[in-house]
Amino acid sequence: QVQLVESGGGLVQAGGSLSLACAASGQTFSDLTMAWFRQSPGQEREFVAAISYSGSTTFYPNSVKGRFTISRDNAENTVHLQMNSLKPEDTGVYYCRDLRNNVWGQGTQVTVSS
């Protein structure tokens, strides 16, 4: 079974940028469609971005489109989330997810101060 470990969270001011990474192990990474989700306190976990196994297709909700970019490096078994023009409402725990096997990472905290 695949294991996922996120990194790169932290505290940033509104308008700033952060880059998250998710390292995968335990299964052929290039077969997996990967996604990022986030969860704020008291809120349901919400979809942030997804990328096809080849990296040729990406998906974003309107709330982050144009600000966030998902990418992957199949040689390094890693998926990235570049977050620009961050807003306080982007605050939350960000989770990496293997959509094929419904496996989640442990999450990394992102805090955007106003």
PDB file of N, CA and C in Angstrom:
ATOM      1  N   GLN A   1       0.841  -1.178   0.000  1.00  0.00           N
ATOM      2  CA  GLN A   1       0.000   0.000   0.000  1.00  0.00           C
ATOM      3  C   GLN A   1       0.887   1.243   0.000  1.00  0.00           C
ATOM      4  N   VAL A   2       0.424   2.279  -0.693  1.00  0.00           N
ATOM      5  CA  VAL A   2       1.204   3.495  -0.784  1.00  0.00           C
ATOM      6  C   VAL A   2       1.201   4.224   0.554  1.00  0.00           C
ATOM      7  N   GLN A   3       2.319   4.856   0.876  1.00  0.00           N
ATOM      8  CA  GLN A   3       2.413   5.757   2.020  1.00  0.00           C
ATOM      9  C   GLN A   3       2.712   7.157   1.501  1.00  0.00           C
ATOM     10  N   LEU A   4       2.100   8.157   2.133  1.00  0.00           N
ATOM     11  CA  LEU A   4       2.233   9.537   1.697  1.00  0.00           C
ATOM     12  C   LEU A   4       2.705  10.399   2.860  1.00  0.00           C
ATOM     13  N   VAL A   5       3.693  11.257   2.607  1.00  0.00           N
ATOM     14  CA  VAL A   5       4.212  12.152   3.633  1.00  0.00           C
ATOM     15  C   VAL A   5       4.291  13.551   3.061  1.00  0.00           C
ATOM     16  N   GLU A   6       3.534  14.478   3.672  1.00  0.00           N
ATOM     17  CA  GLU A   6       3.535  15.869   3.227  1.00  0.00           C
ATOM     18  C   GLU A   6       4.602  16.672   3.967  1.00  0.00           C
ATOM     19  N   SER A   7       5.041  17.744   3.325  1.00  0.00           N
ATOM     20  CA  SER A   7       5.981  18.678   3.932  1.00  0.00           C
ATOM     21  C   SER A   7       5.790  20.041   3.303  1.00  0.00           C
ATOM     22  N   GLY A   8       6.330  21.070   3.965  1.00  0.00           N
ATOM     23  CA  GLY A   8       6.361  22.399   3.380  1.00  0.00           C
ATOM     24  C   GLY A   8       5.378  23.392   3.941  1.00  0.00           C
ATOM     25  N   GLY A   9       4.542  22.976   4.887  1.00  0.00           N
ATOM     26  CA  GLY A   9       3.605  23.922   5.472  1.00  0.00           C
ATOM     27  C   GLY A   9       4.319  24.946   6.342  1.00  0.00           C
ATOM     28  N   GLY A  10       3.543  25.931   6.783  1.00  0.00           N
ATOM     29  CA  GLY A  10       4.126  26.952   7.645  1.00  0.00           C
ATOM     30  C   GLY A  10       3.220  28.150   7.762  1.00  0.00           C
ATOM     31  N   LEU A  11       3.802  29.242   8.264  1.00  0.00           N
ATOM     32  CA  LEU A  11       3.083  30.498   8.466  1.00  0.00           C
ATOM     33  C   LEU A  11       3.548  31.504   7.425  1.00  0.00           C
ATOM     34  N   VAL A  12       2.599  32.156   6.785  1.00  0.00           N
ATOM     35  CA  VAL A  12       2.927  33.134   5.755  1.00  0.00           C
ATOM     36  C   VAL A  12       1.910  34.266   5.822  1.00  0.00           C
ATOM     37  N   GLN A  13       2.331  35.455   5.425  1.00  0.00           N
ATOM     38  CA  GLN A  13       1.408  36.589   5.386  1.00  0.00           C
ATOM     39  C   GLN A  13       0.539  36.526   4.139  1.00  0.00           C
ATOM     40  N   ALA A  14      -0.618  37.141   4.229  1.00  0.00           N
ATOM     41  CA  ALA A  14      -1.506  37.210   3.075  1.00  0.00           C
ATOM     42  C   ALA A  14      -0.762  37.823   1.890  1.00  0.00           C
ATOM     43  N   GLY A  15      -0.979  37.221   0.726  1.00  0.00           N
ATOM     44  CA  GLY A  15      -0.278  37.656  -0.479  1.00  0.00           C
ATOM     45  C   GLY A  15       1.003  36.898  -0.739  1.00  0.00           C
ATOM     46  N   GLY A  16       1.434  36.130   0.234  1.00  0.00           N
ATOM     47  CA  GLY A  16       2.673  35.376   0.098  1.00  0.00           C
ATOM     48  C   GLY A  16       2.470  34.037  -0.587  1.00  0.00           C
ATOM     49  N   SER A  17       3.540  33.247  -0.603  1.00  0.00           N
ATOM     50  CA  SER A  17       3.543  31.961  -1.299  1.00  0.00           C
ATOM     51  C   SER A  17       4.102  30.864  -0.400  1.00  0.00           C
ATOM     52  N   LEU A  18       3.649  29.655  -0.657  1.00  0.00           N
ATOM     53  CA  LEU A  18       4.192  28.452  -0.023  1.00  0.00           C
ATOM     54  C   LEU A  18       4.184  27.334  -1.043  1.00  0.00           C
ATOM     55  N   SER A  19       5.116  26.409  -0.873  1.00  0.00           N
ATOM     56  CA  SER A  19       5.149  25.241  -1.731  1.00  0.00           C
ATOM     57  C   SER A  19       5.096  23.999  -0.859  1.00  0.00           C
ATOM     58  N   LEU A  20       4.133  23.135  -1.143  1.00  0.00           N
ATOM     59  CA  LEU A  20       3.991  21.878  -0.420  1.00  0.00           C
ATOM     60  C   LEU A  20       4.495  20.728  -1.274  1.00  0.00           C
ATOM     61  N   ALA A  21       4.973  19.699  -0.616  1.00  0.00           N
ATOM     62  CA  ALA A  21       5.409  18.494  -1.310  1.00  0.00           C
ATOM     63  C   ALA A  21       4.798  17.276  -0.639  1.00  0.00           C
ATOM     64  N   CYS A  22       4.559  16.254  -1.430  1.00  0.00           N
ATOM     65  CA  CYS A  22       4.037  14.986  -0.926  1.00  0.00           C
ATOM     66  C   CYS A  22       4.886  13.873  -1.523  1.00  0.00           C
ATOM     67  N   ALA A  23       5.591  13.166  -0.669  1.00  0.00           N
ATOM     68  CA  ALA A  23       6.447  12.071  -1.106  1.00  0.00           C
ATOM     69  C   ALA A  23       5.703  10.754  -0.943  1.00  0.00           C
ATOM     70  N   ALA A  24       5.705   9.946  -1.992  1.00  0.00           N
ATOM     71  CA  ALA A  24       4.992   8.672  -1.991  1.00  0.00           C
ATOM     72  C   ALA A  24       5.973   7.512  -2.016  1.00  0.00           C
ATOM     73  N   SER A  25       5.579   6.432  -1.365  1.00  0.00           N
ATOM     74  CA  SER A  25       6.379   5.212  -1.393  1.00  0.00           C
ATOM     75  C   SER A  25       5.449   4.011  -1.293  1.00  0.00           C
ATOM     76  N   GLY A  26       5.924   2.887  -1.744  1.00  0.00           N
ATOM     77  CA  GLY A  26       5.199   1.641  -1.551  1.00  0.00           C
ATOM     78  C   GLY A  26       4.411   1.148  -2.739  1.00  0.00           C
ATOM     79  N   GLN A  27       4.301   1.955  -3.791  1.00  0.00           N
ATOM     80  CA  GLN A  27       3.558   1.522  -4.974  1.00  0.00           C
ATOM     81  C   GLN A  27       4.060   2.337  -6.158  1.00  0.00           C
ATOM     82  N   THR A  28       3.826   1.834  -7.344  1.00  0.00           N
ATOM     83  CA  THR A  28       4.241   2.559  -8.543  1.00  0.00           C
ATOM     84  C   THR A  28       3.508   3.889  -8.611  1.00  0.00           C
ATOM     85  N   PHE A  29       4.242   4.945  -8.349  1.00  0.00           N
ATOM     86  CA  PHE A  29       3.647   6.269  -8.231  1.00  0.00           C
ATOM     87  C   PHE A  29       3.051   6.736  -9.545  1.00  0.00           C
ATOM     88  N   SER A  30       3.681   6.398 -10.649  1.00  0.00           N
ATOM     89  CA  SER A  30       3.224   6.891 -11.948  1.00  0.00           C
ATOM     90  C   SER A  30       1.870   6.318 -12.363  1.00  0.00           C
ATOM     91  N   ASP A  31       1.353   5.343 -11.621  1.00  0.00           N
ATOM     92  CA  ASP A  31       0.024   4.801 -11.906  1.00  0.00           C
ATOM     93  C   ASP A  31      -1.087   5.563 -11.184  1.00  0.00           C
ATOM     94  N   LEU A  32      -0.709   6.456 -10.312  1.00  0.00           N
ATOM     95  CA  LEU A  32      -1.663   7.052  -9.381  1.00  0.00           C
ATOM     96  C   LEU A  32      -2.114   8.447  -9.795  1.00  0.00           C
ATOM     97  N   THR A  33      -3.413   8.686  -9.727  1.00  0.00           N
ATOM     98  CA  THR A  33      -3.943  10.047  -9.795  1.00  0.00           C
ATOM     99  C   THR A  33      -3.881  10.620  -8.383  1.00  0.00           C
ATOM    100  N   MET A  34      -3.286  11.791  -8.255  1.00  0.00           N
ATOM    101  CA  MET A  34      -3.022  12.375  -6.947  1.00  0.00           C
ATOM    102  C   MET A  34      -3.797  13.673  -6.766  1.00  0.00           C
ATOM    103  N   ALA A  35      -4.065  14.011  -5.509  1.00  0.00           N
ATOM    104  CA  ALA A  35      -4.824  15.220  -5.223  1.00  0.00           C
ATOM    105  C   ALA A  35      -4.375  15.824  -3.904  1.00  0.00           C
ATOM    106  N   TRP A  36      -4.722  17.095  -3.746  1.00  0.00           N
ATOM    107  CA  TRP A  36      -4.563  17.805  -2.483  1.00  0.00           C
ATOM    108  C   TRP A  36      -5.956  18.217  -1.992  1.00  0.00           C
ATOM    109  N   PHE A  37      -6.137  18.075  -0.695  1.00  0.00           N
ATOM    110  CA  PHE A  37      -7.347  18.541  -0.010  1.00  0.00           C
ATOM    111  C   PHE A  37      -6.904  19.407   1.161  1.00  0.00           C
ATOM    112  N   ARG A  38      -7.832  20.152   1.725  1.00  0.00           N
ATOM    113  CA  ARG A  38      -7.524  20.929   2.918  1.00  0.00           C
ATOM    114  C   ARG A  38      -8.733  20.910   3.852  1.00  0.00           C
ATOM    115  N   GLN A  39      -8.437  21.151   5.119  1.00  0.00           N
ATOM    116  CA  GLN A  39      -9.495  21.194   6.125  1.00  0.00           C
ATOM    117  C   GLN A  39      -9.206  22.299   7.113  1.00  0.00           C
ATOM    118  N   SER A  40     -10.165  23.204   7.258  1.00  0.00           N
ATOM    119  CA  SER A  40     -10.065  24.273   8.244  1.00  0.00           C
ATOM    120  C   SER A  40     -10.847  23.856   9.477  1.00  0.00           C
ATOM    121  N   PRO A  41     -10.531  24.454  10.643  1.00  0.00           N
ATOM    122  CA  PRO A  41     -11.250  24.090  11.870  1.00  0.00           C
ATOM    123  C   PRO A  41     -12.756  24.274  11.719  1.00  0.00           C
ATOM    124  N   GLY A  42     -13.504  23.251  12.070  1.00  0.00           N
ATOM    125  CA  GLY A  42     -14.954  23.313  11.991  1.00  0.00           C
ATOM    126  C   GLY A  42     -15.532  23.146  10.608  1.00  0.00           C
ATOM    127  N   GLN A  43     -14.658  22.911   9.633  1.00  0.00           N
ATOM    128  CA  GLN A  43     -15.113  22.776   8.248  1.00  0.00           C
ATOM    129  C   GLN A  43     -14.875  21.362   7.735  1.00  0.00           C
ATOM    130  N   GLU A  44     -15.609  21.010   6.699  1.00  0.00           N
ATOM    131  CA  GLU A  44     -15.371  19.721   6.058  1.00  0.00           C
ATOM    132  C   GLU A  44     -14.112  19.808   5.192  1.00  0.00           C
ATOM    133  N   ARG A  45     -13.515  18.669   4.980  1.00  0.00           N
ATOM    134  CA  ARG A  45     -12.350  18.613   4.110  1.00  0.00           C
ATOM    135  C   ARG A  45     -12.793  18.950   2.689  1.00  0.00           C
ATOM    136  N   GLU A  46     -12.033  19.815   2.007  1.00  0.00           N
ATOM    137  CA  GLU A  46     -12.418  20.240   0.675  1.00  0.00           C
ATOM    138  C   GLU A  46     -11.303  19.992  -0.331  1.00  0.00           C
ATOM    139  N   PHE A  47     -11.720  19.768  -1.558  1.00  0.00           N
ATOM    140  CA  PHE A  47     -10.817  19.509  -2.667  1.00  0.00           C
ATOM    141  C   PHE A  47     -10.076  20.783  -3.053  1.00  0.00           C
ATOM    142  N   VAL A  48      -8.778  20.640  -3.320  1.00  0.00           N
ATOM    143  CA  VAL A  48      -7.943  21.791  -3.690  1.00  0.00           C
ATOM    144  C   VAL A  48      -7.371  21.650  -5.095  1.00  0.00           C
ATOM    145  N   ALA A  49      -6.891  20.457  -5.429  1.00  0.00           N
ATOM    146  CA  ALA A  49      -6.278  20.264  -6.747  1.00  0.00           C
ATOM    147  C   ALA A  49      -6.097  18.781  -6.997  1.00  0.00           C
ATOM    148  N   ALA A  50      -6.044  18.401  -8.275  1.00  0.00           N
ATOM    149  CA  ALA A  50      -5.775  17.018  -8.647  1.00  0.00           C
ATOM    150  C   ALA A  50      -4.956  16.995  -9.921  1.00  0.00           C
ATOM    151  N   ILE A  51      -4.226  15.907 -10.102  1.00  0.00           N
ATOM    152  CA  ILE A  51      -3.384  15.766 -11.291  1.00  0.00           C
ATOM    153  C   ILE A  51      -3.428  14.320 -11.750  1.00  0.00           C
ATOM    154  N   SER A  52      -3.514  14.144 -13.053  1.00  0.00           N
ATOM    155  CA  SER A  52      -3.572  12.811 -13.619  1.00  0.00           C
ATOM    156  C   SER A  52      -2.240  12.090 -13.436  1.00  0.00           C
ATOM    157  N   TYR A  53      -2.243  10.781 -13.668  1.00  0.00           N
ATOM    158  CA  TYR A  53      -1.040   9.982 -13.422  1.00  0.00           C
ATOM    159  C   TYR A  53       0.134  10.439 -14.301  1.00  0.00           C
ATOM    160  N   SER A  54      -0.177  10.958 -15.483  1.00  0.00           N
ATOM    161  CA  SER A  54       0.894  11.404 -16.378  1.00  0.00           C
ATOM    162  C   SER A  54       1.287  12.855 -16.129  1.00  0.00           C
ATOM    163  N   GLY A  55       0.446  13.575 -15.416  1.00  0.00           N
ATOM    164  CA  GLY A  55       0.683  14.995 -15.197  1.00  0.00           C
ATOM    165  C   GLY A  55       0.123  15.891 -16.281  1.00  0.00           C
ATOM    166  N   SER A  56      -0.514  15.315 -17.281  1.00  0.00           N
ATOM    167  CA  SER A  56      -0.986  16.100 -18.419  1.00  0.00           C
ATOM    168  C   SER A  56      -2.285  16.844 -18.145  1.00  0.00           C
ATOM    169  N   THR A  57      -3.014  16.412 -17.125  1.00  0.00           N
ATOM    170  CA  THR A  57      -4.313  17.011 -16.823  1.00  0.00           C
ATOM    171  C   THR A  57      -4.368  17.392 -15.354  1.00  0.00           C
ATOM    172  N   THR A  58      -4.857  18.603 -15.099  1.00  0.00           N
ATOM    173  CA  THR A  58      -5.012  19.083 -13.725  1.00  0.00           C
ATOM    174  C   THR A  58      -6.417  19.631 -13.519  1.00  0.00           C
ATOM    175  N   PHE A  59      -6.845  19.672 -12.268  1.00  0.00           N
ATOM    176  CA  PHE A  59      -8.182  20.133 -11.912  1.00  0.00           C
ATOM    177  C   PHE A  59      -8.068  21.025 -10.671  1.00  0.00           C
ATOM    178  N   TYR A  60      -8.854  22.104 -10.671  1.00  0.00           N
ATOM    179  CA  TYR A  60      -8.875  23.020  -9.530  1.00  0.00           C
ATOM    180  C   TYR A  60     -10.303  23.521  -9.302  1.00  0.00           C
ATOM    181  N   PRO A  61     -10.676  23.752  -8.061  1.00  0.00           N
ATOM    182  CA  PRO A  61     -11.932  24.455  -7.819  1.00  0.00           C
ATOM    183  C   PRO A  61     -11.733  25.944  -8.078  1.00  0.00           C
ATOM    184  N   ASN A  62     -12.814  26.666  -8.245  1.00  0.00           N
ATOM    185  CA  ASN A  62     -12.709  28.094  -8.547  1.00  0.00           C
ATOM    186  C   ASN A  62     -11.999  28.856  -7.430  1.00  0.00           C
ATOM    187  N   SER A  63     -12.097  28.356  -6.202  1.00  0.00           N
ATOM    188  CA  SER A  63     -11.532  29.080  -5.064  1.00  0.00           C
ATOM    189  C   SER A  63     -10.009  29.216  -5.132  1.00  0.00           C
ATOM    190  N   VAL A  64      -9.332  28.333  -5.852  1.00  0.00           N
ATOM    191  CA  VAL A  64      -7.870  28.388  -5.920  1.00  0.00           C
ATOM    192  C   VAL A  64      -7.350  28.517  -7.351  1.00  0.00           C
ATOM    193  N   LYS A  65      -8.229  28.415  -8.334  1.00  0.00           N
ATOM    194  CA  LYS A  65      -7.801  28.463  -9.738  1.00  0.00           C
ATOM    195  C   LYS A  65      -7.081  29.772 -10.026  1.00  0.00           C
ATOM    196  N   GLY A  66      -5.935  29.657 -10.675  1.00  0.00           N
ATOM    197  CA  GLY A  66      -5.135  30.840 -10.991  1.00  0.00           C
ATOM    198  C   GLY A  66      -4.141  31.207  -9.910  1.00  0.00           C
ATOM    199  N   ARG A  67      -4.286  30.636  -8.724  1.00  0.00           N
ATOM    200  CA  ARG A  67      -3.366  30.916  -7.611  1.00  0.00           C
ATOM    201  C   ARG A  67      -2.533  29.683  -7.236  1.00  0.00           C
ATOM    202  N   PHE A  68      -3.130  28.512  -7.331  1.00  0.00           N
ATOM    203  CA  PHE A  68      -2.450  27.269  -6.960  1.00  0.00           C
ATOM    204  C   PHE A  68      -2.098  26.476  -8.223  1.00  0.00           C
ATOM    205  N   THR A  69      -0.965  25.781  -8.145  1.00  0.00           N
ATOM    206  CA  THR A  69      -0.539  24.921  -9.240  1.00  0.00           C
ATOM    207  C   THR A  69      -0.080  23.578  -8.690  1.00  0.00           C
ATOM    208  N   ILE A  70      -0.682  22.514  -9.189  1.00  0.00           N
ATOM    209  CA  ILE A  70      -0.268  21.158  -8.812  1.00  0.00           C
ATOM    210  C   ILE A  70       0.649  20.611  -9.906  1.00  0.00           C
ATOM    211  N   SER A  71       1.666  19.896  -9.483  1.00  0.00           N
ATOM    212  CA  SER A  71       2.581  19.278 -10.444  1.00  0.00           C
ATOM    213  C   SER A  71       3.104  17.993  -9.823  1.00  0.00           C
ATOM    214  N   ARG A  72       3.772  17.198 -10.633  1.00  0.00           N
ATOM    215  CA  ARG A  72       4.309  15.939 -10.127  1.00  0.00           C
ATOM    216  C   ARG A  72       5.617  15.620 -10.812  1.00  0.00           C
ATOM    217  N   ASP A  73       6.426  14.858 -10.098  1.00  0.00           N
ATOM    218  CA  ASP A  73       7.685  14.351 -10.628  1.00  0.00           C
ATOM    219  C   ASP A  73       7.660  12.845 -10.416  1.00  0.00           C
ATOM    220  N   ASN A  74       7.333  12.115 -11.453  1.00  0.00           N
ATOM    221  CA  ASN A  74       7.193  10.654 -11.305  1.00  0.00           C
ATOM    222  C   ASN A  74       8.540   9.974 -11.065  1.00  0.00           C
ATOM    223  N   ALA A  75       9.605  10.601 -11.472  1.00  0.00           N
ATOM    224  CA  ALA A  75      10.933  10.023 -11.216  1.00  0.00           C
ATOM    225  C   ALA A  75      11.296  10.115  -9.739  1.00  0.00           C
ATOM    226  N   GLU A  76      10.753  11.152  -9.070  1.00  0.00           N
ATOM    227  CA  GLU A  76      11.029  11.362  -7.653  1.00  0.00           C
ATOM    228  C   GLU A  76       9.871  10.928  -6.760  1.00  0.00           C
ATOM    229  N   ASN A  77       8.806  10.389  -7.366  1.00  0.00           N
ATOM    230  CA  ASN A  77       7.636   9.945  -6.589  1.00  0.00           C
ATOM    231  C   ASN A  77       7.082  11.057  -5.703  1.00  0.00           C
ATOM    232  N   THR A  78       6.965  12.238  -6.295  1.00  0.00           N
ATOM    233  CA  THR A  78       6.555  13.400  -5.514  1.00  0.00           C
ATOM    234  C   THR A  78       5.506  14.210  -6.270  1.00  0.00           C
ATOM    235  N   VAL A  79       4.557  14.731  -5.511  1.00  0.00           N
ATOM    236  CA  VAL A  79       3.580  15.677  -6.065  1.00  0.00           C
ATOM    237  C   VAL A  79       3.714  16.979  -5.272  1.00  0.00           C
ATOM    238  N   HIS A  80       3.618  18.098  -5.987  1.00  0.00           N
ATOM    239  CA  HIS A  80       3.829  19.406  -5.397  1.00  0.00           C
ATOM    240  C   HIS A  80       2.567  20.258  -5.503  1.00  0.00           C
ATOM    241  N   LEU A  81       2.450  21.199  -4.585  1.00  0.00           N
ATOM    242  CA  LEU A  81       1.394  22.201  -4.667  1.00  0.00           C
ATOM    243  C   LEU A  81       2.026  23.570  -4.429  1.00  0.00           C
ATOM    244  N   GLN A  82       2.107  24.356  -5.485  1.00  0.00           N
ATOM    245  CA  GLN A  82       2.614  25.721  -5.380  1.00  0.00           C
ATOM    246  C   GLN A  82       1.434  26.639  -5.123  1.00  0.00           C
ATOM    247  N   MET A  83       1.501  27.380  -4.017  1.00  0.00           N
ATOM    248  CA  MET A  83       0.391  28.251  -3.621  1.00  0.00           C
ATOM    249  C   MET A  83       0.874  29.691  -3.613  1.00  0.00           C
ATOM    250  N   ASN A  84       0.265  30.506  -4.456  1.00  0.00           N
ATOM    251  CA  ASN A  84       0.607  31.925  -4.562  1.00  0.00           C
ATOM    252  C   ASN A  84      -0.586  32.784  -4.171  1.00  0.00           C
ATOM    253  N   SER A  85      -0.319  34.047  -3.912  1.00  0.00           N
ATOM    254  CA  SER A  85      -1.376  35.009  -3.548  1.00  0.00           C
ATOM    255  C   SER A  85      -2.272  34.441  -2.457  1.00  0.00           C
ATOM    256  N   LEU A  86      -1.645  33.935  -1.428  1.00  0.00           N
ATOM    257  CA  LEU A  86      -2.390  33.259  -0.367  1.00  0.00           C
ATOM    258  C   LEU A  86      -3.290  34.223   0.393  1.00  0.00           C
ATOM    259  N   LYS A  87      -4.432  33.706   0.828  1.00  0.00           N
ATOM    260  CA  LYS A  87      -5.425  34.466   1.572  1.00  0.00           C
ATOM    261  C   LYS A  87      -5.642  33.817   2.941  1.00  0.00           C
ATOM    262  N   PRO A  88      -6.112  34.578   3.914  1.00  0.00           N
ATOM    263  CA  PRO A  88      -6.386  33.976   5.232  1.00  0.00           C
ATOM    264  C   PRO A  88      -7.327  32.778   5.144  1.00  0.00           C
ATOM    265  N   GLU A  89      -8.253  32.794   4.199  1.00  0.00           N
ATOM    266  CA  GLU A  89      -9.180  31.672   4.066  1.00  0.00           C
ATOM    267  C   GLU A  89      -8.530  30.416   3.489  1.00  0.00           C
ATOM    268  N   ASP A  90      -7.277  30.509   3.086  1.00  0.00           N
ATOM    269  CA  ASP A  90      -6.535  29.325   2.651  1.00  0.00           C
ATOM    270  C   ASP A  90      -5.945  28.563   3.843  1.00  0.00           C
ATOM    271  N   THR A  91      -6.076  29.117   5.024  1.00  0.00           N
ATOM    272  CA  THR A  91      -5.563  28.462   6.223  1.00  0.00           C
ATOM    273  C   THR A  91      -6.224  27.116   6.457  1.00  0.00           C
ATOM    274  N   GLY A  92      -5.419  26.133   6.831  1.00  0.00           N
ATOM    275  CA  GLY A  92      -5.947  24.809   7.133  1.00  0.00           C
ATOM    276  C   GLY A  92      -4.855  23.765   7.107  1.00  0.00           C
ATOM    277  N   VAL A  93      -5.256  22.545   7.357  1.00  0.00           N
ATOM    278  CA  VAL A  93      -4.347  21.413   7.224  1.00  0.00           C
ATOM    279  C   VAL A  93      -4.493  20.870   5.806  1.00  0.00           C
ATOM    280  N   TYR A  94      -3.393  20.768   5.117  1.00  0.00           N
ATOM    281  CA  TYR A  94      -3.391  20.310   3.728  1.00  0.00           C
ATOM    282  C   TYR A  94      -2.969  18.849   3.670  1.00  0.00           C
ATOM    283  N   TYR A  95      -3.775  18.068   2.965  1.00  0.00           N
ATOM    284  CA  TYR A  95      -3.568  16.630   2.877  1.00  0.00           C
ATOM    285  C   TYR A  95      -3.325  16.216   1.434  1.00  0.00           C
ATOM    286  N   CYS A  96      -2.402  15.320   1.266  1.00  0.00           N
ATOM    287  CA  CYS A  96      -2.167  14.668  -0.009  1.00  0.00           C
ATOM    288  C   CYS A  96      -3.010  13.394  -0.049  1.00  0.00           C
ATOM    289  N   ARG A  97      -3.510  13.052  -1.219  1.00  0.00           N
ATOM    290  CA  ARG A  97      -4.371  11.864  -1.321  1.00  0.00           C
ATOM    291  C   ARG A  97      -4.108  11.105  -2.605  1.00  0.00           C
ATOM    292  N   ASP A  98      -3.994   9.813  -2.457  1.00  0.00           N
ATOM    293  CA  ASP A  98      -3.938   8.885  -3.598  1.00  0.00           C
ATOM    294  C   ASP A  98      -5.388   8.532  -3.921  1.00  0.00           C
ATOM    295  N   LEU A  99      -5.926   9.054  -5.002  1.00  0.00           N
ATOM    296  CA  LEU A  99      -7.333   8.865  -5.323  1.00  0.00           C
ATOM    297  C   LEU A  99      -7.655   7.424  -5.699  1.00  0.00           C
ATOM    298  N   ARG A 100      -6.727   6.736  -6.278  1.00  0.00           N
ATOM    299  CA  ARG A 100      -6.992   5.361  -6.734  1.00  0.00           C
ATOM    300  C   ARG A 100      -7.241   4.427  -5.563  1.00  0.00           C
ATOM    301  N   ASN A 101      -6.417   4.583  -4.512  1.00  0.00           N
ATOM    302  CA  ASN A 101      -6.500   3.676  -3.373  1.00  0.00           C
ATOM    303  C   ASN A 101      -7.103   4.335  -2.125  1.00  0.00           C
ATOM    304  N   ASN A 102      -7.495   5.594  -2.272  1.00  0.00           N
ATOM    305  CA  ASN A 102      -8.072   6.350  -1.152  1.00  0.00           C
ATOM    306  C   ASN A 102      -7.152   6.323   0.061  1.00  0.00           C
ATOM    307  N   VAL A 103      -5.890   6.664  -0.164  1.00  0.00           N
ATOM    308  CA  VAL A 103      -4.910   6.756   0.910  1.00  0.00           C
ATOM    309  C   VAL A 103      -4.586   8.219   1.141  1.00  0.00           C
ATOM    310  N   TRP A 104      -4.528   8.613   2.418  1.00  0.00           N
ATOM    311  CA  TRP A 104      -4.259   9.995   2.803  1.00  0.00           C
ATOM    312  C   TRP A 104      -2.912  10.095   3.513  1.00  0.00           C
ATOM    313  N   GLY A 105      -2.273  11.247   3.351  1.00  0.00           N
ATOM    314  CA  GLY A 105      -1.118  11.557   4.176  1.00  0.00           C
ATOM    315  C   GLY A 105      -1.574  12.073   5.532  1.00  0.00           C
ATOM    316  N   GLN A 106      -0.603  12.445   6.369  1.00  0.00           N
ATOM    317  CA  GLN A 106      -0.917  12.881   7.734  1.00  0.00           C
ATOM    318  C   GLN A 106      -1.272  14.359   7.790  1.00  0.00           C
ATOM    319  N   GLY A 107      -0.969  15.098   6.742  1.00  0.00           N
ATOM    320  CA  GLY A 107      -1.322  16.510   6.663  1.00  0.00           C
ATOM    321  C   GLY A 107      -0.193  17.422   7.093  1.00  0.00           C
ATOM    322  N   THR A 108      -0.235  18.647   6.573  1.00  0.00           N
ATOM    323  CA  THR A 108       0.719  19.678   6.960  1.00  0.00           C
ATOM    324  C   THR A 108      -0.053  20.991   7.124  1.00  0.00           C
ATOM    325  N   GLN A 109       0.269  21.732   8.182  1.00  0.00           N
ATOM    326  CA  GLN A 109      -0.485  22.936   8.527  1.00  0.00           C
ATOM    327  C   GLN A 109      -0.013  24.121   7.690  1.00  0.00           C
ATOM    328  N   VAL A 110      -0.972  24.839   7.142  1.00  0.00           N
ATOM    329  CA  VAL A 110      -0.719  26.105   6.445  1.00  0.00           C
ATOM    330  C   VAL A 110      -1.530  27.182   7.151  1.00  0.00           C
ATOM    331  N   THR A 111      -0.838  28.235   7.571  1.00  0.00           N
ATOM    332  CA  THR A 111      -1.507  29.345   8.239  1.00  0.00           C
ATOM    333  C   THR A 111      -1.178  30.632   7.501  1.00  0.00           C
ATOM    334  N   VAL A 112      -2.218  31.355   7.087  1.00  0.00           N
ATOM    335  CA  VAL A 112      -2.046  32.615   6.370  1.00  0.00           C
ATOM    336  C   VAL A 112      -2.582  33.727   7.254  1.00  0.00           C
ATOM    337  N   SER A 113      -1.697  34.629   7.647  1.00  0.00           N
ATOM    338  CA  SER A 113      -2.095  35.729   8.519  1.00  0.00           C
ATOM    339  C   SER A 113      -2.505  36.943   7.695  1.00  0.00           C
ATOM    340  N   SER A 114      -3.442  37.693   8.236  1.00  0.00           N
ATOM    341  CA  SER A 114      -3.941  38.879   7.512  1.00  0.00           C
ATOM    342  C   SER A 114      -3.117  40.114   7.836  1.00  0.00           C
TER     343      SER A 114
END
